[in-house]
Every structure is written in structure tokens, then in C-alpha cells.
Amino acid sequence: MFWKSVATIAVAVAAVATVCAGADYKEEFAGKVVLVTGGTSGIGEAAARRFHAEGARVAVSGRDAAKGARVADALNAVRADSCLF
């Protein structure tokens, strides 16, 4: 549980740092795959959405299958086949 929290925080910090940099990073993650642990809600979900908005394919993991499917469906509605759960 501890390492899952640390990984989620690290991903969230990276996403926030990108936003705060003030530059246009729309294609910063194009062609990349990002794994977001704890990405089914809260900070992890926000990080998954941000990486997705910046062009990454996103793999989301979490404890709640229904929430994971909801996040994946929402992201895939924006860009087909871009999120896995």
C-alpha cells in the first residue's frame, strides 16, 4: 500500500509540474505509454486524464473495476483505443 501511494504521488507531482511550467506540452507524451497506479479516482485519475490530454496512451490500474472501466471509457471516448484498464 505504501509504495502504491508513493507511485501515485510521484505521477501526480510530475503532472502538476508539467502544468505549472506554463509551456504548451500537448504533444509531450505522444507515442508514449503511461501506467498510472491508483488511476481509478482522485489524484491518480486526474493524472491519467492529464497524461491522456497530452497525447499519451494510458494504462490505469486500481482496486475498483467499475471505476477503472468508467475512466477508460471516458478517455477512449475522446481518443479511441487510448486507455487500458
Protein backbone atom coordinates (compact mmCIF):
# COMPACT_ATOMS: atom_id res chain seq x y z
CA MET A 1 0.00 0.00 0.00
CA PHE A 2 2.82 2.43 0.87
CA TRP A 3 4.58 2.03 -2.48
CA LYS A 4 1.32 2.41 -4.37
CA SER A 5 0.79 5.75 -2.63
CA VAL A 6 4.35 6.84 -3.35
CA ALA A 7 3.97 5.96 -7.04
CA THR A 8 0.65 7.79 -7.30
CA ILE A 9 2.12 10.88 -5.66
CA ALA A 10 5.14 10.80 -7.97
CA VAL A 11 2.91 10.66 -11.05
CA ALA A 12 0.71 13.47 -9.72
CA VAL A 13 3.74 15.65 -8.97
CA ALA A 14 5.05 15.10 -12.49
CA ALA A 15 1.68 16.07 -13.96
CA VAL A 16 1.42 19.17 -11.80
CA ALA A 17 4.98 20.21 -12.64
CA THR A 18 4.11 19.98 -16.31
CA VAL A 19 1.05 22.18 -15.84
CA CYS A 20 2.92 24.73 -13.73
CA ALA A 21 5.76 25.06 -16.23
CA GLY A 22 3.50 27.25 -18.34
CA ALA A 23 4.64 25.77 -21.65
CA ASP A 24 2.47 24.03 -24.21
CA TYR A 25 3.09 20.31 -23.71
CA LYS A 26 0.21 18.98 -25.83
CA GLU A 27 2.47 16.51 -27.60
CA GLU A 28 4.98 15.91 -24.81
CA PHE A 29 3.73 12.34 -24.30
CA ALA A 30 2.67 11.49 -27.86
CA GLY A 31 3.77 7.97 -28.73
CA LYS A 32 4.36 7.07 -25.08
CA VAL A 33 2.51 4.74 -22.72
CA VAL A 34 1.97 5.86 -19.14
CA LEU A 35 1.00 3.49 -16.32
CA VAL A 36 -0.98 5.22 -13.58
CA THR A 37 -1.45 3.17 -10.45
CA GLY A 38 -4.43 4.24 -8.41
CA GLY A 39 -5.81 5.84 -11.55
CA THR A 40 -9.44 4.97 -10.89
CA SER A 41 -10.15 8.00 -8.69
CA GLY A 42 -8.73 11.11 -7.07
CA ILE A 43 -5.24 12.32 -7.89
CA GLY A 44 -4.46 9.20 -9.91
CA GLU A 45 -7.49 9.73 -12.13
CA ALA A 46 -6.56 13.39 -12.61
CA ALA A 47 -3.02 12.38 -13.57
CA ALA A 48 -4.35 9.79 -16.04
CA ARG A 49 -6.60 12.40 -17.63
CA ARG A 50 -3.74 14.91 -17.87
CA PHE A 51 -1.31 12.44 -19.46
CA HIS A 52 -4.08 11.42 -21.87
CA ALA A 53 -4.74 15.07 -22.77
CA GLU A 54 -1.05 15.42 -23.55
CA GLY A 55 -1.12 12.58 -26.07
CA ALA A 56 -0.11 9.50 -24.07
CA ARG A 57 -1.79 6.12 -24.21
CA VAL A 58 -2.73 5.47 -20.61
CA ALA A 59 -2.84 2.21 -18.67
CA VAL A 60 -4.87 2.65 -15.48
CA SER A 61 -4.80 0.29 -12.52
CA GLY A 62 -6.80 0.41 -9.33
CA ARG A 63 -8.86 -1.56 -6.85
CA ASP A 64 -12.33 -0.82 -8.24
CA ALA A 65 -13.08 -2.42 -11.62
CA ALA A 66 -16.22 -0.34 -12.20
CA LYS A 67 -14.35 2.93 -11.63
CA GLY A 68 -11.50 1.74 -13.85
CA ALA A 69 -13.89 0.90 -16.65
CA ARG A 70 -15.53 4.32 -16.25
CA VAL A 71 -12.20 6.14 -16.54
CA ALA A 72 -11.11 4.03 -19.54
CA ASP A 73 -14.45 4.53 -21.30
CA ALA A 74 -14.29 8.30 -20.75
CA LEU A 75 -10.76 8.56 -22.13
CA ASN A 76 -11.46 6.22 -25.04
CA ALA A 77 -14.48 8.35 -25.97
CA VAL A 78 -12.10 11.26 -26.54
CA ARG A 79 -9.47 9.23 -28.44
CA ALA A 80 -10.24 5.64 -29.42
CA ASP A 81 -8.04 2.83 -28.06
CA SER A 82 -6.00 5.20 -25.91
CA CYS A 83 -6.71 3.87 -22.43
CA LEU A 84 -6.47 0.38 -20.94
CA PHE A 85 -7.81 -0.88 -17.64
